[in-house]
Amino acid sequence: PGSADPSMLEGTAQRLRDAIARGAPAYNRGQARRCADIYLRAAREELRVSGARLVRDSLQEAVASAESLLREAEEADGGHARERKEKAAAWALRHAFDHVLTWIAYDSMPSGCTECSVC
């Protein structure tokens, strides 16, 4: 941490918070797939624009996991199995978002990420 441009990191943080603000209500209404799609679009966009290694590393893994889970959901026989996979995809991305947001918060502190349990 500490090597990324602070204005770039603030942009990343804002875009991830915006995605959460749109995705979480959908999830809470029982629309896990919609939530996962919102999160997936935001994560892919961050991968396209972000130069911060931790952001890219966290999101690449989550995107790969979510894409796999959503493919499995489409192939699932029952609605319950599909819903479980869609929820897991949304949570994989949300956990990555939370990790990135926590890292950015620590990184923006004057002392850097000295006691960060996330990184």
Foldseek 3Di string as FASTA:
>chain_A
DQPDDLVLLVVLLVLLVVLCVVLVVCVVVVNLQVSLVSLLVSLVVCCVPDPDPLSNVLSVVLNVQLVVLQVVLVVDDDPVSNSVSSNVSNVSSVVSSVLSNQQSVQCPDPVGNPPPPSD
